C-alpha atoms as a PDB file:
ATOM      1  CA  MET A   1     -17.393  23.318   8.342  1.00  0.00           C
ATOM      2  CA  ILE A   2     -15.901  20.303   6.698  1.00  0.00           C
ATOM      3  CA  LEU A   3     -16.802  16.717   7.608  1.00  0.00           C
ATOM      4  CA  PHE A   4     -15.461  13.331   6.334  1.00  0.00           C
ATOM      5  CA  ASP A   5     -18.035  10.476   7.421  1.00  0.00           C
ATOM      6  CA  GLU A   6     -16.528   7.169   6.576  1.00  0.00           C
ATOM      7  CA  VAL A   7     -15.161   8.323   3.287  1.00  0.00           C
ATOM      8  CA  THR A   8     -13.558   5.829   0.945  1.00  0.00           C
ATOM      9  CA  LYS A   9     -12.119   6.723  -2.438  1.00  0.00           C
ATOM     10  CA  SER A  10     -10.878   3.864  -4.656  1.00  0.00           C
ATOM     11  CA  PHE A  11      -9.538   4.329  -8.357  1.00  0.00           C
ATOM     12  CA  PRO A  12      -9.672   1.725 -11.015  1.00  0.00           C
ATOM     13  CA  ASN A  13      -6.705  -0.694 -11.321  1.00  0.00           C
ATOM     14  CA  THR A  14      -5.100   0.114  -7.802  1.00  0.00           C
ATOM     15  CA  SER A  15      -4.551  -2.359  -5.006  1.00  0.00           C
ATOM     16  CA  ARG A  16      -5.869  -0.159  -2.349  1.00  0.00           C
ATOM     17  CA  PRO A  17      -7.958   2.917  -1.720  1.00  0.00           C
ATOM     18  CA  ALA A  18      -6.418   6.318  -1.898  1.00  0.00           C
ATOM     19  CA  VAL A  19      -8.825   7.304   1.098  1.00  0.00           C
ATOM     20  CA  ASP A  20      -9.807   4.422   3.292  1.00  0.00           C
ATOM     21  CA  ALA A  21     -12.729   4.817   5.698  1.00  0.00           C
ATOM     22  CA  VAL A  22     -11.697   8.524   6.835  1.00  0.00           C
ATOM     23  CA  SER A  23     -13.643   9.967   9.533  1.00  0.00           C
ATOM     24  CA  LEU A  24     -12.571  13.786  10.298  1.00  0.00           C
ATOM     25  CA  ASN A  25     -14.364  17.010  11.442  1.00  0.00           C
ATOM     26  CA  ILE A  26     -12.790  20.258  10.953  1.00  0.00           C
ATOM     27  CA  GLN A  27     -14.434  23.410  12.507  1.00  0.00           C
ATOM     28  CA  ARG A  28     -14.813  26.835  11.254  1.00  0.00           C
ATOM     29  CA  GLY A  29     -11.660  29.032  11.570  1.00  0.00           C
ATOM     30  CA  GLU A  30      -9.302  25.934  12.261  1.00  0.00           C
ATOM     31  CA  PHE A  31      -5.990  25.719  10.766  1.00  0.00           C
ATOM     32  CA  VAL A  32      -5.132  22.069   9.925  1.00  0.00           C
ATOM     33  CA  PHE A  33      -2.057  20.316   8.547  1.00  0.00           C
ATOM     34  CA  LEU A  34      -2.356  17.188   6.578  1.00  0.00           C
ATOM     35  CA  VAL A  35       0.886  15.323   6.722  1.00  0.00           C
ATOM     36  CA  GLY A  36       2.263  11.835   5.620  1.00  0.00           C
ATOM     37  CA  PRO A  37       4.268  10.119   2.955  1.00  0.00           C
ATOM     38  CA  SER A  38       3.522  10.686  -0.737  1.00  0.00           C
ATOM     39  CA  GLY A  39       0.510   8.629  -1.857  1.00  0.00           C
ATOM     40  CA  SER A  40      -0.980   8.597   1.588  1.00  0.00           C
ATOM     41  CA  GLY A  41      -4.135  10.470   0.437  1.00  0.00           C
ATOM     42  CA  LYS A  42      -3.708  14.200   1.297  1.00  0.00           C
ATOM     43  CA  SER A  43      -4.181  15.607  -2.121  1.00  0.00           C
ATOM     44  CA  THR A  44      -7.226  13.261  -2.755  1.00  0.00           C
ATOM     45  CA  MET A  45      -8.727  14.576   0.420  1.00  0.00           C
ATOM     46  CA  LEU A  46      -8.467  18.124  -0.680  1.00  0.00           C
ATOM     47  CA  ARG A  47     -10.027  17.174  -4.229  1.00  0.00           C
ATOM     48  CA  LEU A  48     -13.005  15.615  -2.429  1.00  0.00           C
ATOM     49  CA  VAL A  49     -13.596  18.679  -0.601  1.00  0.00           C
ATOM     50  CA  LEU A  50     -13.181  20.850  -3.749  1.00  0.00           C
ATOM     51  CA  ARG A  51     -15.603  18.369  -5.532  1.00  0.00           C
ATOM     52  CA  GLU A  52     -12.981  17.561  -8.094  1.00  0.00           C
ATOM     53  CA  ASP A  53     -13.534  13.914  -7.214  1.00  0.00           C
ATOM     54  CA  THR A  54     -16.308  12.217  -5.571  1.00  0.00           C
ATOM     55  CA  ALA A  55     -16.305   9.589  -2.774  1.00  0.00           C
ATOM     56  CA  THR A  56     -16.702   5.963  -3.492  1.00  0.00           C
ATOM     57  CA  SER A  57     -18.598   5.595  -0.207  1.00  0.00           C
ATOM     58  CA  GLY A  58     -19.359   7.770   2.724  1.00  0.00           C
ATOM     59  CA  ARG A  59     -20.126  11.475   2.757  1.00  0.00           C
ATOM     60  CA  VAL A  60     -18.072  14.680   2.411  1.00  0.00           C
ATOM     61  CA  MET A  61     -19.974  17.698   3.786  1.00  0.00           C
ATOM     62  CA  VAL A  62     -18.719  21.276   3.333  1.00  0.00           C
ATOM     63  CA  ALA A  63     -20.753  23.974   5.296  1.00  0.00           C
ATOM     64  CA  GLY A  64     -23.562  21.466   5.722  1.00  0.00           C
ATOM     65  CA  ARG A  65     -23.972  20.262   2.318  1.00  0.00           C
ATOM     66  CA  ASP A  66     -23.212  16.867   1.096  1.00  0.00           C
ATOM     67  CA  VAL A  67     -20.876  17.890  -2.036  1.00  0.00           C
ATOM     68  CA  GLY A  68     -21.205  14.216  -3.482  1.00  0.00           C
ATOM     69  CA  LYS A  69     -24.969  14.862  -4.021  1.00  0.00           C
ATOM     70  CA  LEU A  70     -24.643  18.393  -5.664  1.00  0.00           C
ATOM     71  CA  SER A  71     -25.657  18.763  -9.339  1.00  0.00           C
ATOM     72  CA  SER A  72     -22.820  19.789 -11.597  1.00  0.00           C
ATOM     73  CA  TRP A  73     -24.347  23.242 -12.249  1.00  0.00           C
ATOM     74  CA  LYS A  74     -24.104  23.916  -8.334  1.00  0.00           C
ATOM     75  CA  VAL A  75     -20.418  22.860  -8.037  1.00  0.00           C
ATOM     76  CA  PRO A  76     -19.160  26.312  -9.118  1.00  0.00           C
ATOM     77  CA  TYR A  77     -21.260  27.936  -6.380  1.00  0.00           C
ATOM     78  CA  LEU A  78     -19.588  25.709  -3.899  1.00  0.00           C
ATOM     79  CA  ARG A  79     -16.256  26.635  -5.162  1.00  0.00           C
ATOM     80  CA  ARG A  80     -16.909  30.327  -4.596  1.00  0.00           C
ATOM     81  CA  GLN A  81     -16.784  29.684  -0.907  1.00  0.00           C
ATOM     82  CA  MET A  82     -13.285  28.278  -1.281  1.00  0.00           C
ATOM     83  CA  GLY A  83      -9.846  29.540  -2.259  1.00  0.00           C
ATOM     84  CA  VAL A  84      -7.036  27.133  -3.635  1.00  0.00           C
ATOM     85  CA  VAL A  85      -3.311  27.553  -3.604  1.00  0.00           C
ATOM     86  CA  PHE A  86      -1.229  25.026  -5.680  1.00  0.00           C
ATOM     87  CA  GLN A  87       2.336  23.921  -5.579  1.00  0.00           C
ATOM     88  CA  ASP A  88       3.170  25.322  -9.167  1.00  0.00           C
ATOM     89  CA  PHE A  89       1.336  28.588  -8.810  1.00  0.00           C
ATOM     90  CA  ARG A  90      -0.898  28.383 -11.816  1.00  0.00           C
ATOM     91  CA  LEU A  91      -0.690  32.080 -12.687  1.00  0.00           C
ATOM     92  CA  LEU A  92      -1.733  33.282 -15.982  1.00  0.00           C
ATOM     93  CA  THR A  93       1.667  34.022 -17.593  1.00  0.00           C
ATOM     94  CA  ASN A  94       0.264  36.614 -20.093  1.00  0.00           C
ATOM     95  CA  LYS A  95      -1.307  38.646 -17.321  1.00  0.00           C
ATOM     96  CA  THR A  96       0.120  41.141 -14.954  1.00  0.00           C
ATOM     97  CA  VAL A  97       0.097  40.642 -11.255  1.00  0.00           C
ATOM     98  CA  PHE A  98      -3.075  42.803 -10.778  1.00  0.00           C
ATOM     99  CA  GLU A  99      -4.857  41.089 -13.715  1.00  0.00           C
ATOM    100  CA  ASN A 100      -4.150  37.690 -12.283  1.00  0.00           C
ATOM    101  CA  VAL A 101      -5.872  38.570  -9.011  1.00  0.00           C
ATOM    102  CA  ALA A 102      -8.671  40.618 -10.574  1.00  0.00           C
ATOM    103  CA  PHE A 103      -9.404  37.785 -12.857  1.00  0.00           C
ATOM    104  CA  ALA A 104     -11.056  35.765 -10.026  1.00  0.00           C
ATOM    105  CA  LEU A 105     -13.401  38.484  -9.358  1.00  0.00           C
ATOM    106  CA  GLN A 106     -14.169  39.051 -13.085  1.00  0.00           C
ATOM    107  CA  VAL A 107     -15.304  35.623 -13.698  1.00  0.00           C
ATOM    108  CA  LEU A 108     -17.819  36.103 -10.799  1.00  0.00           C
ATOM    109  CA  GLY A 109     -19.293  39.134 -12.620  1.00  0.00           C
ATOM    110  CA  LYS A 110     -17.941  41.625 -10.053  1.00  0.00           C
ATOM    111  CA  SER A 111     -18.014  45.391 -11.033  1.00  0.00           C
ATOM    112  CA  ASN A 112     -14.925  46.922 -12.031  1.00  0.00           C
ATOM    113  CA  ALA A 113     -14.759  49.308  -9.128  1.00  0.00           C
ATOM    114  CA  ASP A 114     -15.323  46.187  -6.675  1.00  0.00           C
ATOM    115  CA  THR A 115     -12.662  44.341  -8.703  1.00  0.00           C
ATOM    116  CA  ALA A 116     -10.055  46.987  -8.491  1.00  0.00           C
ATOM    117  CA  ARG A 117     -10.771  47.740  -4.706  1.00  0.00           C
ATOM    118  CA  GLU A 118     -10.596  44.062  -3.611  1.00  0.00           C
ATOM    119  CA  ALA A 119      -7.643  43.281  -5.884  1.00  0.00           C
ATOM    120  CA  THR A 120      -5.661  46.148  -4.464  1.00  0.00           C
ATOM    121  CA  ARG A 121      -6.603  45.064  -0.854  1.00  0.00           C
ATOM    122  CA  SER A 122      -5.631  41.455  -1.563  1.00  0.00           C
ATOM    123  CA  LEU A 123      -2.240  42.412  -2.908  1.00  0.00           C
ATOM    124  CA  LYS A 124      -1.512  44.674  -0.120  1.00  0.00           C
ATOM    125  CA  MET A 125      -2.398  42.051   2.349  1.00  0.00           C
ATOM    126  CA  VAL A 126       0.351  39.703   0.757  1.00  0.00           C
ATOM    127  CA  GLY A 127       2.928  42.562   0.531  1.00  0.00           C
ATOM    128  CA  LEU A 128       2.948  43.064  -3.258  1.00  0.00           C
ATOM    129  CA  ASP A 129       1.601  46.399  -3.346  1.00  0.00           C
ATOM    130  CA  GLY A 130       3.660  48.328  -5.813  1.00  0.00           C
ATOM    131  CA  LYS A 131       4.268  45.386  -8.126  1.00  0.00           C
ATOM    132  CA  GLU A 132       0.804  45.270  -9.631  1.00  0.00           C
ATOM    133  CA  ASP A 133       2.153  45.719 -13.149  1.00  0.00           C
ATOM    134  CA  ARG A 134       4.795  43.154 -13.171  1.00  0.00           C
ATOM    135  CA  MET A 135       4.681  40.125 -15.128  1.00  0.00           C
ATOM    136  CA  PRO A 136       4.821  36.594 -13.357  1.00  0.00           C
ATOM    137  CA  HIS A 137       8.242  35.805 -14.817  1.00  0.00           C
ATOM    138  CA  GLU A 138       9.603  39.001 -13.080  1.00  0.00           C
ATOM    139  CA  LEU A 139       8.853  37.702  -9.819  1.00  0.00           C
ATOM    140  CA  SER A 140      10.594  35.445  -7.603  1.00  0.00           C
ATOM    141  CA  GLY A 141       9.041  31.951  -6.779  1.00  0.00           C
ATOM    142  CA  GLY A 142       7.902  33.365  -3.319  1.00  0.00           C
ATOM    143  CA  GLU A 143       6.554  36.355  -4.851  1.00  0.00           C
ATOM    144  CA  GLN A 144       4.644  34.367  -7.438  1.00  0.00           C
ATOM    145  CA  GLN A 145       3.197  32.189  -4.703  1.00  0.00           C
ATOM    146  CA  ARG A 146       1.914  35.278  -2.887  1.00  0.00           C
ATOM    147  CA  VAL A 147       0.206  36.341  -6.064  1.00  0.00           C
ATOM    148  CA  ALA A 148      -1.367  32.896  -5.918  1.00  0.00           C
ATOM    149  CA  VAL A 149      -2.558  33.406  -2.457  1.00  0.00           C
ATOM    150  CA  ALA A 150      -3.790  36.797  -3.188  1.00  0.00           C
ATOM    151  CA  ARG A 151      -5.846  35.448  -5.862  1.00  0.00           C
ATOM    152  CA  ALA A 152      -7.208  32.675  -3.716  1.00  0.00           C
ATOM    153  CA  VAL A 153      -8.392  34.862  -0.989  1.00  0.00           C
ATOM    154  CA  VAL A 154      -9.488  38.005  -3.075  1.00  0.00           C
ATOM    155  CA  ASN A 155     -13.136  36.746  -2.802  1.00  0.00           C
ATOM    156  CA  ARG A 156     -12.899  36.395   1.012  1.00  0.00           C
ATOM    157  CA  PRO A 157     -13.510  32.706   0.855  1.00  0.00           C
ATOM    158  CA  ALA A 158     -14.614  30.761   3.924  1.00  0.00           C
ATOM    159  CA  ILE A 159     -12.154  27.961   3.216  1.00  0.00           C
ATOM    160  CA  LEU A 160      -8.550  28.026   1.940  1.00  0.00           C
ATOM    161  CA  LEU A 161      -7.043  24.750   0.753  1.00  0.00           C
ATOM    162  CA  ALA A 162      -3.307  24.587   0.109  1.00  0.00           C
ATOM    163  CA  ASP A 163      -1.635  21.618  -1.588  1.00  0.00           C
ATOM    164  CA  GLU A 164       2.092  21.641  -0.925  1.00  0.00           C
ATOM    165  CA  PRO A 165       2.171  25.560  -1.301  1.00  0.00           C
ATOM    166  CA  THR A 166       5.830  25.822  -0.424  1.00  0.00           C
ATOM    167  CA  GLY A 167       7.106  22.766  -2.338  1.00  0.00           C
ATOM    168  CA  ASN A 168       8.880  24.908  -5.020  1.00  0.00           C
ATOM    169  CA  LEU A 169      10.181  27.634  -2.644  1.00  0.00           C
ATOM    170  CA  ASP A 170      13.393  28.297  -0.817  1.00  0.00           C
ATOM    171  CA  PRO A 171      13.483  28.187   3.026  1.00  0.00           C
ATOM    172  CA  GLY A 172      13.147  32.078   3.208  1.00  0.00           C
ATOM    173  CA  SER A 173      10.234  32.397   0.908  1.00  0.00           C
ATOM    174  CA  THR A 174       8.399  29.432   2.507  1.00  0.00           C
ATOM    175  CA  MET A 175       8.206  30.869   6.014  1.00  0.00           C
ATOM    176  CA  GLY A 176       6.924  34.156   4.596  1.00  0.00           C
ATOM    177  CA  VAL A 177       4.058  32.277   2.633  1.00  0.00           C
ATOM    178  CA  VAL A 178       3.331  30.138   5.662  1.00  0.00           C
ATOM    179  CA  ARG A 179       3.037  33.212   8.053  1.00  0.00           C
ATOM    180  CA  LEU A 180       0.862  34.603   5.420  1.00  0.00           C
ATOM    181  CA  LEU A 181      -1.501  31.772   5.688  1.00  0.00           C
ATOM    182  CA  GLU A 182      -1.402  31.824   9.218  1.00  0.00           C
ATOM    183  CA  ARG A 183      -2.719  35.471   9.368  1.00  0.00           C
ATOM    184  CA  ILE A 184      -5.515  34.502   6.837  1.00  0.00           C
ATOM    185  CA  GLY A 185      -6.443  31.692   9.356  1.00  0.00           C
ATOM    186  CA  GLN A 186      -6.190  34.137  12.321  1.00  0.00           C
ATOM    187  CA  ALA A 187      -8.860  36.379  10.381  1.00  0.00           C
ATOM    188  CA  GLY A 188     -11.414  33.595  10.533  1.00  0.00           C
ATOM    189  CA  THR A 189     -10.774  31.506   7.357  1.00  0.00           C
ATOM    190  CA  THR A 190     -10.660  27.784   7.694  1.00  0.00           C
ATOM    191  CA  VAL A 191      -7.114  26.658   6.313  1.00  0.00           C
ATOM    192  CA  VAL A 192      -6.418  23.102   5.362  1.00  0.00           C
ATOM    193  CA  MET A 193      -2.705  22.562   4.300  1.00  0.00           C
ATOM    194  CA  ALA A 194      -1.090  19.442   2.895  1.00  0.00           C
ATOM    195  CA  THR A 195       2.670  19.571   3.341  1.00  0.00           C
ATOM    196  CA  HIS A 196       5.905  17.469   3.581  1.00  0.00           C
ATOM    197  CA  ASN A 197       7.784  20.250   5.271  1.00  0.00           C
ATOM    198  CA  ASP A 198       8.162  19.303   9.027  1.00  0.00           C
ATOM    199  CA  GLU A 199       9.723  22.741   9.914  1.00  0.00           C
ATOM    200  CA  ILE A 200       6.543  24.526   8.851  1.00  0.00           C
ATOM    201  CA  VAL A 201       4.393  22.110  11.140  1.00  0.00           C
ATOM    202  CA  ASN A 202       6.666  22.171  14.151  1.00  0.00           C
ATOM    203  CA  THR A 203       6.984  26.009  14.067  1.00  0.00           C
ATOM    204  CA  LEU A 204       3.190  26.744  13.792  1.00  0.00           C
ATOM    205  CA  CYS A 205       2.025  23.965  16.204  1.00  0.00           C
ATOM    206  CA  LYS A 206      -1.407  23.804  14.707  1.00  0.00           C
ATOM    207  CA  ARG A 207      -3.853  20.710  14.448  1.00  0.00           C
ATOM    208  CA  VAL A 208      -1.964  17.767  12.765  1.00  0.00           C
ATOM    209  CA  VAL A 209      -3.857  14.887  10.936  1.00  0.00           C
ATOM    210  CA  GLU A 210      -1.396  12.438   9.766  1.00  0.00           C
ATOM    211  CA  LEU A 211      -2.220   9.955   7.017  1.00  0.00           C
ATOM    212  CA  ASP A 212      -0.752   6.575   6.106  1.00  0.00           C
ATOM    213  CA  ASP A 213      -2.119   4.230   3.281  1.00  0.00           C
ATOM    214  CA  GLY A 214      -5.178   6.489   3.113  1.00  0.00           C
ATOM    215  CA  ARG A 215      -6.081   6.079   6.693  1.00  0.00           C
ATOM    216  CA  VAL A 216      -5.757   8.650   9.621  1.00  0.00           C
ATOM    217  CA  VAL A 217      -3.233   7.407  12.002  1.00  0.00           C
ATOM    218  CA  ARG A 218      -3.043  10.485  14.227  1.00  0.00           C
ATOM    219  CA  ASP A 219      -5.168  13.662  14.804  1.00  0.00           C
ATOM    220  CA  GLU A 220      -3.432  15.923  17.216  1.00  0.00           C
ATOM    221  CA  GLN A 221      -4.020  19.410  18.505  1.00  0.00           C
ATOM    222  CA  GLY A 222      -0.985  21.565  18.799  1.00  0.00           C
ATOM    223  CA  GLY A 223       1.035  18.624  17.234  1.00  0.00           C
ATOM    224  CA  GLN A 224       4.537  18.187  15.572  1.00  0.00           C
ATOM    225  CA  TYR A 225       5.156  16.645  12.221  1.00  0.00           C
ATOM    226  CA  PHE A 226       6.172  13.422  13.914  1.00  0.00           C
ATOM    227  CA  PRO A 227       4.649  12.231  17.358  1.00  0.00           C
ATOM    228  CA  ASP A 228       8.212  12.441  18.882  1.00  0.00           C
ATOM    229  CA  ALA A 229      10.023  15.220  17.165  1.00  0.00           C
ATOM    230  CA  ASP A 230      13.046  14.645  19.404  1.00  0.00           C
ATOM    231  CA  SER A 231      13.975  11.090  18.094  1.00  0.00           C
ATOM    232  CA  PRO A 232      16.860  11.051  15.477  1.00  0.00           C
ATOM    233  CA  ALA A 233      15.632  10.823  12.020  1.00  0.00           C
ATOM    234  CA  VAL A 234      16.464  11.020   8.283  1.00  0.00           C
ATOM    235  CA  PRO A 235      17.786  14.455   7.529  1.00  0.00           C
ATOM    236  CA  ASP A 236      14.933  17.019   6.576  1.00  0.00           C
ATOM    237  CA  SER A 237      16.311  17.696   3.116  1.00  0.00           C
ATOM    238  CA  ALA A 238      16.347  14.009   2.046  1.00  0.00           C
ATOM    239  CA  HIS A 239      12.866  13.776   3.510  1.00  0.00           C
ATOM    240  CA  ALA A 240      11.448  16.562   1.727  1.00  0.00           C
ATOM    241  CA  ARG A 241      12.921  15.562  -1.766  1.00  0.00           C
ATOM    242  CA  ALA A 242      11.777  11.879  -1.425  1.00  0.00           C
ATOM    243  CA  GLY A 243       8.423  12.788   0.120  1.00  0.00           C
ATOM    244  CA  SER A 244       8.588   9.869   2.508  1.00  0.00           C
ATOM    245  CA  LYS A 245       7.797   9.100   5.955  1.00  0.00           C
ATOM    246  CA  ARG A 246      10.546   9.968   8.248  1.00  0.00           C
ATOM    247  CA  ILE A 247      12.143   6.882   9.773  1.00  0.00           C
ATOM    248  CA  GLU A 248      12.480   7.442  13.598  1.00  0.00           C
ATOM    249  CA  VAL A 249      14.960   5.512  15.780  1.00  0.00           C
ATOM    250  CA  SER A 250      13.086   3.957  18.526  1.00  0.00           C
ATOM    251  CA  ARG A 251      14.654   2.905  21.685  1.00  0.00           C
ATOM    252  CA  PRO A 252      13.140  -0.463  22.847  1.00  0.00           C
ATOM    253  CA  ALA A 253      12.633  -1.132  26.398  1.00  0.00           C
ATOM    254  CA  ALA A 254      15.237  -3.423  28.156  1.00  0.00           C
ATOM    255  CA  GLU A 255      13.966  -7.007  28.331  1.00  0.00           C
ATOM    256  CA  PRO A 256      13.843  -8.398  31.678  1.00  0.00           C
ATOM    257  CA  ALA A 257      16.529 -10.846  32.551  1.00  0.00           C
ATOM    258  CA  PRO A 258      15.388 -14.487  32.311  1.00  0.00           C
ATOM    259  CA  ALA A 259      14.648 -16.149  35.611  1.00  0.00           C
ATOM    260  CA  GLU A 260      17.023 -18.420  37.147  1.00  0.00           C
ATOM    261  CA  PRO A 261      15.875 -22.073  36.972  1.00  0.00           C
ATOM    262  CA  GLU A 262      15.143 -23.567  40.409  1.00  0.00           C
ATOM    263  CA  PRO A 263      17.461 -26.324  41.446  1.00  0.00           C
ATOM    264  CA  THR A 264      16.025 -29.796  41.332  1.00  0.00           C
ATOM    265  CA  GLU A 265      17.058 -33.031  42.879  1.00  0.00           C
ATOM    266  CA  PRO A 266      19.185 -35.058  40.262  1.00  0.00           C
ATOM    267  CA  GLN A 267      17.215 -38.313  39.176  1.00  0.00           C
ATOM    268  CA  PRO A 268      19.465 -41.526  39.533  1.00  0.00           C
ATOM    269  CA  ALA A 269      20.226 -42.901  36.141  1.00  0.00           C
ATOM    270  CA  GLU A 270      18.757 -46.140  35.162  1.00  0.00           C
ATOM    271  CA  PRO A 271      21.284 -48.877  35.369  1.00  0.00           C
ATOM    272  CA  GLN A 272      22.817 -50.037  32.145  1.00  0.00           C
ATOM    273  CA  PRO A 273      22.509 -53.829  30.932  1.00  0.00           C
ATOM    274  CA  ALA A 274      25.862 -54.813  32.182  1.00  0.00           C
ATOM    275  CA  GLU A 275      25.436 -52.962  35.594  1.00  0.00           C
ATOM    276  CA  ARG A 276      22.022 -54.686  35.958  1.00  0.00           C
ATOM    277  CA  ALA A 277      23.483 -58.102  35.305  1.00  0.00           C
ATOM    278  CA  ARG A 278      26.130 -57.382  38.091  1.00  0.00           C
ATOM    279  CA  THR A 279      23.684 -56.029  40.519  1.00  0.00           C
ATOM    280  CA  GLY A 280      20.611 -57.861  39.619  1.00  0.00           C
ATOM    281  CA  ALA A 281      18.646 -54.555  39.251  1.00  0.00           C
ATOM    282  CA  LYS A 282      15.452 -54.840  37.086  1.00  0.00           C
ATOM    283  CA  PRO A 283      14.466 -52.534  34.265  1.00  0.00           C
ATOM    284  CA  ALA A 284      11.820 -50.064  34.989  1.00  0.00           C
ATOM    285  CA  ALA A 285       8.334 -51.569  34.411  1.00  0.00           C
ATOM    286  CA  ALA A 286       6.244 -50.529  31.569  1.00  0.00           C
ATOM    287  CA  GLY A 287       3.861 -47.815  32.468  1.00  0.00           C
ATOM    288  CA  VAL A 288       5.913 -46.257  35.179  1.00  0.00           C
ATOM    289  CA  PRO A 289       6.198 -42.538  34.361  1.00  0.00           C
ATOM    290  CA  GLY A 290       9.789 -41.326  33.971  1.00  0.00           C
ATOM    291  CA  PRO A 291      10.900 -37.400  34.379  1.00  0.00           C
ATOM    292  CA  PRO A 292       8.148 -35.213  33.004  1.00  0.00           C
ATOM    293  CA  ARG A 293       8.704 -33.896  29.609  1.00  0.00           C
ATOM    294  CA  PRO A 294       7.984 -30.219  28.738  1.00  0.00           C
ATOM    295  CA  ILE A 295       4.736 -29.503  27.097  1.00  0.00           C
ATOM    296  CA  GLU A 296       5.002 -28.213  23.572  1.00  0.00           C
ATOM    297  CA  PRO A 297       2.706 -25.513  22.545  1.00  0.00           C
ATOM    298  CA  ALA A 298      -0.331 -26.807  20.561  1.00  0.00           C
ATOM    299  CA  GLY A 299       0.022 -26.134  16.828  1.00  0.00           C
ATOM    300  CA  LYS A 300       3.717 -25.191  17.148  1.00  0.00           C
ATOM    301  CA  ARG A 301       5.119 -28.480  17.891  1.00  0.00           C
ATOM    302  CA  THR A 302       7.444 -28.942  15.072  1.00  0.00           C
ATOM    303  CA  ALA A 303       9.006 -25.555  15.397  1.00  0.00           C
ATOM    304  CA  TRP A 304       9.210 -25.596  19.322  1.00  0.00           C
ATOM    305  CA  SER A 305      10.897 -29.016  19.141  1.00  0.00           C
ATOM    306  CA  ARG A 306      13.486 -27.744  16.611  1.00  0.00           C
ATOM    307  CA  ARG A 307      14.250 -24.606  18.689  1.00  0.00           C
ATOM    308  CA  LYS A 308      14.645 -26.646  21.815  1.00  0.00           C
ATOM    309  CA  GLN A 309      17.065 -29.154  19.939  1.00  0.00           C
ATOM    310  CA  THR A 310      19.057 -26.071  18.821  1.00  0.00           C
ATOM    311  CA  GLN A 311      19.321 -24.653  22.226  1.00  0.00           C
ATOM    312  CA  GLN A 312      20.459 -27.964  23.817  1.00  0.00           C
ATOM    313  CA  GLY A 313      23.014 -28.356  21.151  1.00  0.00           C
ATOM    314  CA  THR A 314      24.266 -24.941  21.899  1.00  0.00           C
ATOM    315  CA  ALA A 315      24.664 -25.497  25.419  1.00  0.00           C
ATOM    316  CA  LYS A 316      26.607 -28.563  24.875  1.00  0.00           C
ATOM    317  CA  GLN A 317      28.937 -26.782  22.718  1.00  0.00           C
ATOM    318  CA  ALA A 318      29.418 -23.975  25.002  1.00  0.00           C
ATOM    319  CA  ALA A 319      29.946 -26.612  27.976  1.00  0.00           C
ATOM    320  CA  ALA A 320      32.724 -28.453  25.920  1.00  0.00           C
ATOM    321  CA  LYS A 321      34.591 -25.184  25.172  1.00  0.00           C
ATOM    322  CA  GLN A 322      34.536 -24.178  28.881  1.00  0.00           C
ATOM    323  CA  THR A 323      35.869 -27.631  30.109  1.00  0.00           C
ATOM    324  CA  PRO A 324      39.709 -27.431  30.010  1.00  0.00           C
ATOM    325  CA  ALA A 325      41.535 -30.361  28.497  1.00  0.00           C
ATOM    326  CA  ARG A 326      43.380 -32.761  30.906  1.00  0.00           C
ATOM    327  CA  LYS A 327      47.025 -33.085  30.356  1.00  0.00           C
ATOM    328  CA  PRO A 328      48.543 -36.643  30.169  1.00  0.00           C
ATOM    329  CA  GLU A 329      50.213 -37.565  33.294  1.00  0.00           C
ATOM    330  CA  GLY A 330      53.893 -38.541  32.824  1.00  0.00           C
ATOM    331  CA  PRO A 331      55.905 -41.198  34.635  1.00  0.00           C
ATOM    332  CA  SER A 332      56.328 -40.468  38.455  1.00  0.00           C
ATOM    333  CA  ALA A 333      59.969 -39.634  39.169  1.00  0.00           C
END
């Protein structure tokens, strides 16, 4: 139904692409969450599907058609197969609830009878039957978003795109709208929803596609918002406000204890000059190898040597602290 084939989307005066070499295949009837921090590319991907933007490279296929190659006069026909729900509702404030929903059919040239029947059906589906004559400002935020959903699906689209549809809603209204989208998906509509709300994702357990810096870093069926949902994390409220990735507290594996050095035979110290004079010992001949020196890693000689010197100095200081000072001996009684 929706295919991204090595899609990259770049904008002028930006240091990195908004979408970077993304390959993704969404089947008909799937419910997919797009998650990730703000600026990770979620909204850009939805705009590419809707043909509000075109890819810099790669292909975006919708229902078997390359949307990047569609002429401008064919784009409206493509969008008739899709419904869109926005975070800010985008209702017509001078029209009633019924008129907002019916308007989506009127622009398609539907008859008055078809428009009335489908608008009534759609409002009943979202639980707003009986409020057809209300104005948008007379509704709660959750009810306004339900009107937006009814308008998006009144034409029975094959695809429903939802860009942060619960971002302006309270928790109670949020789950009501999400359950509504789930029912729409169960009826056979392909639903792609971008969200920062981890509670929604963890409750529905649908397919999760995680983006970071424009790349797909995780694609998981029946997934959670985060790969390890049990890890301690930044509170959800702060995460939702900031729109940033939750910081998970990882528990690193314990490092193995260093191996004990094998004992070696002590090497006899070379006699000092005075000792050689007394004993007649000769200094070591030139070219005779002494004790082997450790081999320093190639290319890291300076850093490695500096680290070894630091370790040796630390060891000497520790040994000095552990050696008790000798008390001076007094005259014997």
